[in-house]
Protein backbone atom coordinates (compact mmCIF):
# COMPACT_ATOMS: atom_id res chain seq x y z
CA MET A 1 19.14 -79.44 -49.22
CA ILE A 2 20.44 -76.24 -50.78
CA GLY A 3 16.90 -74.89 -51.02
CA GLN A 4 16.21 -75.80 -47.38
CA VAL A 5 19.40 -74.09 -46.18
CA ILE A 6 18.61 -70.94 -48.19
CA PHE A 7 15.06 -70.90 -46.84
CA ILE A 8 16.20 -71.30 -43.22
CA ILE A 9 18.74 -68.47 -43.62
CA ILE A 10 16.11 -66.16 -45.13
CA LEU A 11 13.57 -67.10 -42.45
CA PHE A 12 15.88 -66.42 -39.52
CA ALA A 13 17.21 -63.21 -41.10
CA ALA A 14 13.65 -61.95 -41.58
CA ILE A 15 12.66 -62.80 -37.99
CA TYR A 16 15.82 -61.13 -36.63
CA LEU A 17 15.32 -57.92 -38.62
CA PHE A 18 11.65 -57.70 -37.69
CA SER A 19 12.41 -58.27 -34.00
CA LYS A 20 15.09 -55.57 -34.09
CA ASN A 21 12.86 -52.96 -35.72
CA ALA A 22 9.83 -53.87 -33.63
CA GLY A 23 12.03 -53.57 -30.55
CA LYS A 24 12.92 -50.00 -31.52
CA ILE A 25 9.23 -49.10 -31.78
CA ARG A 26 8.62 -50.66 -28.38
CA ARG A 27 11.52 -48.62 -27.00
CA ASN A 28 10.09 -45.46 -28.53
CA ILE A 29 6.65 -46.10 -27.04
CA LEU A 30 8.12 -46.64 -23.58
CA LEU A 31 9.80 -43.22 -23.75
CA GLY A 32 6.39 -41.84 -22.79
CA ARG A 33 5.25 -41.17 -19.25
CA ASP A 34 3.77 -44.02 -17.27
CA THR A 35 0.02 -44.46 -17.00
CA ASP A 36 -1.94 -47.27 -15.43
CA ARG A 37 -4.24 -49.12 -17.81
CA SER A 38 -4.39 -52.41 -15.93
CA ASP A 39 -7.79 -51.92 -14.28
CA HIS A 40 -10.97 -53.82 -15.23
CA PRO A 41 -9.28 -56.58 -17.29
CA GLY A 42 -12.62 -58.20 -18.12
CA GLU A 43 -13.95 -55.02 -19.68
CA ARG A 44 -10.67 -54.52 -21.51
CA TRP A 45 -10.79 -57.99 -23.05
CA LYS A 46 -14.39 -57.35 -24.07
CA THR A 47 -13.40 -54.06 -25.72
CA MET A 48 -10.53 -55.68 -27.63
CA LEU A 49 -12.68 -58.59 -28.83
CA LYS A 50 -15.43 -56.22 -29.93
CA VAL A 51 -13.42 -53.44 -31.54
CA ALA A 52 -10.23 -55.13 -32.79
CA PHE A 53 -11.36 -58.69 -33.51
CA GLY A 54 -14.99 -57.89 -34.21
CA GLN A 55 -14.31 -54.74 -36.29
CA SER A 56 -17.42 -53.23 -34.66
CA LYS A 57 -16.58 -49.59 -35.43
CA MET A 58 -15.90 -50.28 -39.10
CA VAL A 59 -19.58 -50.87 -39.93
CA LYS A 60 -20.37 -47.15 -39.88
CA ARG A 61 -19.07 -47.15 -43.47
CA PRO A 62 -20.57 -50.40 -44.86
CA LEU A 63 -18.64 -50.72 -48.14
CA ALA A 64 -15.28 -50.10 -46.49
CA ALA A 65 -16.29 -52.45 -43.66
CA VAL A 66 -17.08 -55.34 -46.01
CA MET A 67 -13.91 -54.87 -48.06
CA HIS A 68 -11.75 -54.53 -44.97
CA PHE A 69 -13.40 -57.63 -43.50
CA PHE A 70 -12.41 -59.63 -46.58
CA ILE A 71 -8.78 -58.52 -46.22
CA TYR A 72 -8.75 -58.96 -42.45
CA VAL A 73 -10.27 -62.45 -42.38
CA GLY A 74 -8.51 -63.48 -45.59
CA PHE A 75 -5.07 -62.55 -44.37
CA VAL A 76 -5.57 -64.08 -40.92
CA ILE A 77 -6.87 -67.39 -42.25
CA ILE A 78 -4.73 -67.66 -45.39
CA ASN A 79 -1.62 -67.06 -43.32
CA LEU A 80 -2.40 -70.26 -41.44
CA GLU A 81 -1.25 -71.85 -44.67
CA VAL A 82 2.08 -70.05 -44.21
CA LEU A 83 2.80 -72.43 -41.33
CA GLU A 84 2.63 -75.32 -43.77
CA ILE A 85 4.85 -73.49 -46.23
CA MET A 86 7.45 -72.89 -43.51
CA ILE A 87 7.43 -76.51 -42.43
CA ASP A 88 7.78 -77.61 -46.07
CA GLY A 89 10.60 -75.13 -46.55
CA VAL A 90 12.55 -76.30 -43.50
CA PHE A 91 12.08 -80.05 -43.95
CA GLY A 92 11.83 -80.25 -47.74
CA SER A 93 8.35 -81.77 -47.64
CA HIS A 94 5.36 -80.88 -49.81
CA ARG A 95 1.87 -80.14 -48.47
CA VAL A 96 2.75 -81.80 -45.19
CA PHE A 97 -0.66 -81.10 -43.61
CA SER A 98 -2.51 -83.08 -46.28
CA LYS A 99 -1.48 -86.35 -44.64
CA VAL A 100 -2.51 -85.15 -41.19
CA LEU A 101 -5.83 -83.50 -42.03
CA GLY A 102 -7.08 -85.90 -44.68
CA GLY A 103 -10.35 -84.76 -46.31
CA LEU A 104 -10.42 -81.60 -44.20
CA TYR A 105 -7.31 -80.42 -46.04
CA GLY A 106 -9.22 -80.06 -49.30
CA LEU A 107 -11.91 -78.02 -47.57
CA LEU A 108 -9.28 -75.71 -46.05
CA ILE A 109 -7.43 -75.12 -49.33
CA GLY A 110 -10.72 -74.44 -51.09
CA GLY A 111 -11.67 -71.93 -48.39
CA PHE A 112 -8.23 -70.31 -48.61
CA GLU A 113 -8.67 -69.83 -52.35
CA ILE A 114 -12.09 -68.21 -52.05
CA LEU A 115 -10.73 -65.87 -49.39
CA ALA A 116 -7.70 -65.07 -51.58
CA LEU A 117 -10.07 -64.06 -54.39
CA LEU A 118 -12.06 -61.84 -52.01
CA VAL A 119 -8.82 -60.22 -50.80
CA LEU A 120 -7.86 -59.52 -54.42
CA ILE A 121 -11.23 -57.92 -55.12
CA ALA A 122 -11.09 -55.81 -51.95
CA CYS A 123 -7.57 -54.56 -52.73
CA VAL A 124 -8.59 -53.56 -56.26
CA VAL A 125 -11.64 -51.70 -54.87
CA PHE A 126 -9.46 -49.86 -52.36
CA LEU A 127 -6.95 -48.90 -55.05
CA ILE A 128 -9.78 -47.51 -57.17
CA ARG A 129 -11.19 -45.54 -54.23
CA ARG A 130 -7.79 -44.02 -53.50
CA ASN A 131 -6.41 -43.37 -56.98
CA ILE A 132 -9.38 -42.99 -59.33
CA ILE A 133 -12.36 -41.87 -57.25
CA HIS A 134 -10.06 -39.86 -54.91
CA LEU A 135 -12.21 -40.02 -51.78
CA LYS A 136 -11.85 -36.76 -49.88
CA ARG A 137 -10.86 -38.34 -46.56
CA PHE A 138 -7.72 -39.77 -48.18
CA SER A 139 -6.46 -36.25 -48.90
CA GLY A 140 -5.19 -33.43 -46.71
CA VAL A 141 -2.04 -31.46 -46.00
CA GLU A 142 -0.66 -34.38 -43.98
CA MET A 143 -1.25 -36.85 -46.81
CA THR A 144 2.00 -36.19 -48.63
CA SER A 145 3.50 -38.48 -51.25
CA TRP A 146 4.78 -41.03 -48.72
CA PRO A 147 1.47 -41.77 -46.90
CA LYS A 148 -0.29 -42.13 -50.24
CA SER A 149 2.46 -44.33 -51.66
CA ASP A 150 2.57 -46.42 -48.48
CA ALA A 151 -1.10 -47.37 -48.85
CA ASN A 152 -0.64 -48.20 -52.54
CA TYR A 153 2.46 -50.28 -51.80
CA ILE A 154 0.59 -52.39 -49.26
CA LEU A 155 -2.40 -52.97 -51.52
CA THR A 156 -0.11 -53.89 -54.40
CA ILE A 157 1.90 -56.28 -52.23
CA GLU A 158 -1.31 -57.98 -51.08
CA ILE A 159 -2.45 -58.38 -54.69
CA LEU A 160 0.92 -59.90 -55.66
CA LEU A 161 0.89 -62.28 -52.68
CA MET A 162 -2.63 -63.53 -53.44
CA THR A 163 -1.80 -63.87 -57.15
CA ALA A 164 1.32 -65.88 -56.32
CA PHE A 165 -0.71 -68.09 -53.96
CA LEU A 166 -3.38 -68.83 -56.56
CA THR A 167 -0.87 -69.35 -59.39
CA MET A 168 1.16 -71.71 -57.19
CA ASN A 169 -1.98 -73.73 -56.49
CA ALA A 170 -2.95 -73.75 -60.17
CA ALA A 171 0.43 -75.19 -61.18
CA ASP A 172 0.31 -77.64 -58.26
CA HIS A 173 -3.18 -78.78 -59.29
CA LYS A 174 -2.06 -79.36 -62.87
CA LEU A 175 1.00 -81.34 -61.69
CA GLN A 176 -1.26 -83.44 -59.49
CA LEU A 177 -3.39 -84.32 -62.49
CA LEU A 178 -0.20 -85.41 -64.27
CA ASN A 179 0.79 -87.58 -61.26
CA PHE A 180 4.18 -85.92 -61.41
CA GLY A 181 6.77 -86.65 -58.71
CA GLU A 182 5.90 -85.51 -55.18
CA TYR A 183 2.77 -83.69 -56.27
CA ILE A 184 0.27 -86.03 -54.61
CA LYS A 185 -3.42 -85.36 -55.05
CA ALA A 186 -4.32 -83.10 -52.15
CA GLY A 187 -6.58 -80.09 -51.81
CA ASN A 188 -9.48 -78.55 -53.69
CA PHE A 189 -8.84 -75.65 -56.06
CA PRO A 190 -12.15 -73.89 -56.86
CA VAL A 191 -10.44 -70.67 -57.96
CA SER A 192 -6.94 -71.55 -59.11
CA HIS A 193 -8.08 -74.32 -61.45
CA LEU A 194 -9.54 -71.52 -63.60
CA LEU A 195 -5.95 -70.35 -64.17
CA SER A 196 -4.78 -73.77 -65.34
CA PRO A 197 -5.42 -73.13 -69.06
CA LEU A 198 -3.07 -70.15 -68.86
CA LEU A 199 -0.18 -72.30 -67.64
CA PRO A 200 2.15 -74.45 -69.78
CA ASP A 201 1.51 -78.17 -70.22
CA SER A 202 5.10 -79.24 -69.69
CA ALA A 203 5.69 -80.79 -66.26
CA ARG A 204 9.13 -79.20 -66.06
CA SER A 205 7.71 -75.76 -66.81
CA LEU A 206 4.88 -76.27 -64.31
CA VAL A 207 7.39 -77.17 -61.60
CA MET A 208 9.28 -73.95 -62.33
CA VAL A 209 6.05 -71.95 -62.08
CA GLU A 210 4.97 -73.69 -58.87
CA ARG A 211 8.38 -73.35 -57.19
CA GLY A 212 8.78 -69.77 -58.38
CA CYS A 213 5.41 -68.74 -56.96
CA TRP A 214 6.11 -70.71 -53.76
CA TRP A 215 9.32 -68.71 -53.19
CA LEU A 216 7.65 -65.44 -54.23
CA HIS A 217 4.78 -66.04 -51.82
CA ILE A 218 6.84 -66.86 -48.75
CA ILE A 219 9.60 -64.30 -49.39
CA GLY A 220 6.90 -61.72 -50.08
CA ILE A 221 5.28 -62.46 -46.72
CA LEU A 222 8.62 -62.19 -44.90
CA ALA A 223 9.40 -58.94 -46.74
CA PHE A 224 5.92 -57.64 -45.89
CA LEU A 225 6.57 -58.50 -42.23
CA ASN A 226 9.72 -56.38 -42.26
CA TYR A 227 7.99 -53.54 -44.08
CA LEU A 228 5.37 -53.20 -41.32
CA PRO A 229 7.58 -51.30 -38.81
CA TYR A 230 8.13 -48.61 -41.45
CA SER A 231 4.48 -48.42 -42.45
CA LYS A 232 1.13 -47.32 -41.09
CA HIS A 233 0.16 -50.97 -41.44
CA PHE A 234 1.90 -51.73 -38.17
CA HIS A 235 -1.67 -51.34 -36.86
CA ILE A 236 -2.13 -54.97 -37.95
CA LEU A 237 -0.24 -55.87 -34.78
CA LEU A 238 -0.84 -52.88 -32.49
CA ALA A 239 -4.60 -52.61 -32.95
CA PHE A 240 -5.15 -55.41 -30.44
CA PRO A 241 -3.09 -54.09 -27.50
CA ASN A 242 -4.21 -50.55 -28.33
CA THR A 243 -7.89 -51.43 -27.96
CA TYR A 244 -7.15 -53.50 -24.85
CA TYR A 245 -5.56 -50.46 -23.19
CA SER A 246 -8.39 -48.15 -24.25
CA ASN A 247 -9.44 -45.32 -21.95
CA LEU A 248 -12.46 -46.75 -20.14
CA ASN A 249 -13.49 -43.40 -18.63
CA PRO A 250 -16.45 -41.55 -20.17
CA LYS A 251 -15.43 -39.57 -23.24
CA GLY A 252 -14.61 -35.99 -22.36
CA LYS A 253 -13.52 -36.72 -18.81
CA PHE A 254 -10.28 -34.82 -18.27
CA THR A 255 -7.43 -36.13 -16.19
CA ASN A 256 -6.17 -34.19 -13.20
CA MET A 257 -2.50 -33.75 -12.42
CA ALA A 258 -1.85 -35.15 -8.95
CA SER A 259 0.58 -32.34 -8.14
CA VAL A 260 -2.02 -29.67 -8.94
CA THR A 261 -4.75 -31.54 -7.06
CA ASN A 262 -2.54 -31.77 -3.98
CA GLU A 263 -1.79 -28.05 -4.11
CA VAL A 264 -5.51 -27.25 -4.19
CA LYS A 265 -6.15 -29.63 -1.29
CA ALA A 266 -3.40 -27.92 0.69
CA MET A 267 -4.98 -24.51 0.01
CA LEU A 268 -8.39 -25.72 1.19
CA ASP A 269 -7.08 -27.74 4.12
CA PRO A 270 -4.01 -26.32 5.92
CA SER A 271 -3.56 -29.63 7.73
CA PHE A 272 -3.08 -31.51 4.45
CA THR A 273 0.56 -32.22 3.61
CA PRO A 274 1.17 -32.86 -0.09
CA PRO A 275 3.35 -35.91 -0.77
CA ALA A 276 6.76 -35.18 -2.19
CA ALA A 277 6.53 -35.34 -5.96
CA GLU A 278 8.78 -34.19 -8.72
CA VAL A 279 6.96 -32.45 -11.57
CA SER A 280 9.09 -31.96 -14.63
CA ARG A 281 6.46 -30.22 -16.73
CA PHE A 282 2.78 -29.33 -16.74
CA GLY A 283 1.18 -30.73 -19.85
CA ALA A 284 3.12 -31.76 -22.95
CA LYS A 285 5.56 -29.83 -25.07
CA ASP A 286 7.29 -32.80 -26.66
CA VAL A 287 6.41 -36.45 -27.21
CA THR A 288 8.23 -37.65 -24.09
CA ASP A 289 5.77 -35.58 -22.03
CA LEU A 290 2.92 -37.72 -23.37
CA THR A 291 2.02 -41.15 -21.97
CA TRP A 292 3.19 -44.42 -23.50
CA LYS A 293 -0.45 -45.02 -24.48
CA ASN A 294 -0.51 -41.80 -26.52
CA LEU A 295 2.64 -42.95 -28.32
CA MET A 296 1.23 -46.43 -28.90
CA GLU A 297 -1.81 -44.80 -30.49
CA ALA A 298 0.46 -42.80 -32.79
CA TYR A 299 2.02 -46.02 -34.09
CA THR A 300 -1.43 -47.66 -34.31
CA CYS A 301 -2.95 -44.94 -36.49
CA THR A 302 -4.15 -46.34 -39.82
CA GLU A 303 -4.33 -42.89 -41.48
CA CYS A 304 -7.84 -43.78 -42.65
CA GLY A 305 -9.03 -40.20 -42.15
CA ARG A 306 -12.28 -41.08 -40.40
CA CYS A 307 -11.35 -38.79 -37.50
CA THR A 308 -10.60 -35.80 -39.74
CA SER A 309 -13.69 -36.38 -41.89
CA VAL A 310 -15.99 -35.88 -38.87
CA CYS A 311 -13.99 -33.11 -37.16
CA PRO A 312 -16.17 -29.96 -37.09
CA ALA A 313 -13.11 -27.72 -37.02
CA ASN A 314 -11.68 -29.36 -40.14
CA ILE A 315 -15.04 -29.40 -41.89
CA THR A 316 -15.39 -25.64 -41.41
CA GLY A 317 -11.97 -24.99 -42.91
CA LYS A 318 -9.83 -24.64 -39.82
CA LEU A 319 -6.28 -25.93 -39.73
CA LEU A 320 -6.90 -28.83 -37.33
CA SER A 321 -6.75 -32.42 -38.58
CA PRO A 322 -6.86 -35.11 -35.86
CA ARG A 323 -5.13 -37.51 -38.26
CA LYS A 324 -2.26 -35.03 -38.63
CA ILE A 325 -1.96 -34.82 -34.83
CA MET A 326 -1.38 -38.58 -34.67
CA MET A 327 0.94 -38.67 -37.69
CA ASP A 328 3.01 -35.78 -36.35
CA THR A 329 3.29 -37.50 -32.97
CA ARG A 330 4.48 -40.70 -34.63
CA ASP A 331 6.98 -38.84 -36.83
CA ARG A 332 8.37 -36.94 -33.86
CA ILE A 333 8.80 -39.96 -31.56
CA THR A 334 10.45 -41.82 -34.45
CA GLU A 335 12.83 -38.89 -34.86
CA VAL A 336 13.58 -38.95 -31.12
CA GLY A 337 14.30 -42.68 -31.36
CA LYS A 338 16.70 -42.18 -34.26
CA ASN A 339 18.49 -39.47 -32.27
CA ILE A 340 18.91 -41.92 -29.40
CA ASP A 341 20.36 -44.52 -31.75
CA ALA A 342 22.78 -42.02 -33.28
CA HIS A 343 23.73 -39.79 -30.33
CA GLY A 344 22.57 -41.42 -27.09
CA LYS A 345 19.53 -40.96 -24.87
CA ASP A 346 20.50 -37.50 -23.58
CA HIS A 347 20.76 -35.89 -27.03
CA ASP A 348 18.71 -32.72 -27.53
CA ASP A 349 18.04 -31.77 -31.14
CA GLY A 350 16.43 -28.48 -30.16
CA LYS A 351 13.07 -29.51 -31.61
CA ALA A 352 9.74 -30.35 -30.03
CA LEU A 353 6.31 -31.61 -31.01
CA LEU A 354 4.89 -28.17 -30.26
CA ASP A 355 5.66 -25.59 -32.96
CA ASN A 356 8.05 -27.82 -34.96
CA TYR A 357 5.31 -30.30 -35.82
CA ILE A 358 1.98 -29.13 -34.41
CA THR A 359 1.08 -25.44 -34.48
CA ARG A 360 -0.77 -23.57 -31.77
CA GLU A 361 -3.48 -22.67 -34.24
CA GLU A 362 -4.24 -26.37 -34.71
CA LEU A 363 -4.49 -26.95 -30.96
CA TRP A 364 -6.88 -24.07 -30.27
CA ALA A 365 -9.10 -24.96 -33.23
CA CYS A 366 -10.24 -28.12 -31.42
CA THR A 367 -13.76 -27.97 -29.95
CA SER A 368 -13.13 -30.96 -27.62
CA CYS A 369 -16.24 -32.65 -29.03
CA ASN A 370 -14.67 -36.15 -29.16
CA ALA A 371 -16.03 -36.83 -32.65
CA CYS A 372 -12.57 -38.00 -33.72
CA THR A 373 -12.30 -40.44 -30.81
CA GLU A 374 -15.75 -41.84 -31.51
CA ALA A 375 -14.98 -42.31 -35.22
CA CYS A 376 -11.62 -44.08 -34.86
CA PRO A 377 -11.94 -47.80 -35.68
CA VAL A 378 -9.17 -48.73 -33.19
CA ASN A 379 -10.05 -46.38 -30.28
CA ILE A 380 -7.30 -43.80 -30.82
CA ASN A 381 -7.83 -40.57 -28.86
CA PRO A 382 -6.23 -37.50 -30.51
CA LEU A 383 -8.01 -35.26 -28.00
CA GLU A 384 -5.77 -36.46 -25.17
CA ILE A 385 -2.70 -35.18 -27.00
CA ILE A 386 -4.38 -31.88 -27.86
CA THR A 387 -5.51 -31.40 -24.26
CA GLU A 388 -2.06 -32.09 -22.82
CA MET A 389 -0.44 -29.64 -25.23
CA ARG A 390 -3.04 -27.01 -24.40
CA ARG A 391 -2.32 -27.63 -20.71
CA TYR A 392 1.34 -26.87 -21.35
CA LEU A 393 0.49 -23.64 -23.18
CA VAL A 394 -1.73 -22.41 -20.36
CA MET A 395 0.14 -23.65 -17.28
CA GLU A 396 3.74 -23.30 -18.47
CA GLU A 397 3.66 -20.43 -20.94
CA ALA A 398 0.44 -18.66 -19.88
CA GLN A 399 -0.37 -18.51 -23.58
CA ALA A 400 -4.04 -18.79 -24.52
CA PRO A 401 -6.46 -16.98 -26.84
CA ALA A 402 -7.79 -13.71 -25.47
CA SER A 403 -11.30 -15.14 -25.06
CA LEU A 404 -9.99 -17.88 -22.80
CA ASN A 405 -7.85 -15.47 -20.80
CA ASN A 406 -10.95 -13.35 -20.22
CA MET A 407 -12.82 -16.41 -19.04
CA PHE A 408 -9.97 -17.41 -16.70
CA GLY A 409 -9.99 -13.93 -15.21
CA ASN A 410 -13.76 -13.99 -14.72
CA VAL A 411 -13.66 -17.39 -13.03
CA GLU A 412 -10.87 -16.19 -10.73
CA ASN A 413 -12.54 -12.92 -9.82
CA ASN A 414 -16.26 -13.66 -10.13
CA GLY A 415 -16.48 -17.42 -9.68
CA ALA A 416 -18.13 -17.74 -13.09
CA PRO A 417 -17.10 -17.46 -16.76
CA TRP A 418 -19.16 -14.28 -17.20
CA LYS A 419 -18.25 -10.74 -16.20
CA TYR A 420 -20.83 -10.36 -13.48
CA ALA A 421 -20.44 -9.86 -9.75
CA GLN A 422 -20.74 -13.02 -7.70
CA ALA A 423 -23.86 -11.63 -6.03
CA ASP A 424 -25.58 -11.48 -9.42
CA ARG A 425 -24.72 -15.01 -10.54
CA ALA A 426 -28.18 -16.43 -9.85
CA ASN A 427 -30.18 -13.54 -11.27
CA TRP A 428 -31.01 -15.51 -14.40
CA MET A 429 -33.29 -17.76 -12.33
CA LYS A 430 -35.54 -14.82 -11.50
CA GLN A 431 -36.53 -14.24 -15.09
């Protein structure tokens, strides 16, 4: 009973803490401007099933895709076993599903073990790629000590969880062979039985190993759950809604501000009366000027670097890194959220996403090619943030590179980007 009470306390404490921290992230996301992403639900479900569940955009890098698939499927399926562990922990039972599932139980446990081994292998491969091979896309000015450590922490935790799971099963299997106590014969152990020779022969010692790994496994999972809100691995949860709310418009299609559109309509049609609308700012200077979808994408970013690795500006040595844009946005909205918690919602810390986090040089280095958006495995769109911040620079501050200012002037005066008289615009067709 003492063990059950302790387990229930830990379980409810873990759920409460996770709910509290996840609630703060939800609050932070909803600080963004409203945008409607409720259209075409059928297409949205199809996109989520294809991109998030089906991992369709991962296959562009086959090795990473296979390893990630092992971890993805392994964790999803193995964590079904967590339900049994929780029931056993609350009611003091042992392998409660074995009585319900019969022979199918052995097949499930055997499958869980094979998947656990594949997860272990994948995590080791990923650690090697990050820390020994040093793949270029895992480096960059934004990849400071914390992002690198975060990835290593997660991989290490996954290795420890799978090791605890397999060791627990190995001790359980050996106790079953001894017909000891409540350890009824249940399950197949194609992987963990290989660990049996490494374990003690004493039943008492085996029970200590089995119970120790049982507690380590479940507490590790609950700790991992509460680590997610502080980690890039929150994408485990947000990847699904993020892909569901993907931008279904063709890539490169820019949004129009209703207030600006109405002003143009009024200029062209004197009879048109623009509806009353309050415009606080053109474009985005800070994170609260972005949409909630932009902020959700910031929290969904996996920091995999696929976007930056295909960015032509970054490849040619310019300052822009689409990954940094997303990381800076996430860091800034998190900072805004902490300010709200400490000082109230009206607190102004005198900082903004523009200049304090993202420089103007980064913004104007973007070629708007959408390579980053195409490469992202969870449909994140850094270009939307860049475009909104550029819009602020041009429409609020009238700050743009000289080449663009020249173009704006030519369009205004000549009706074309080039410095020719309007009457000469079509001369090129005579050649």
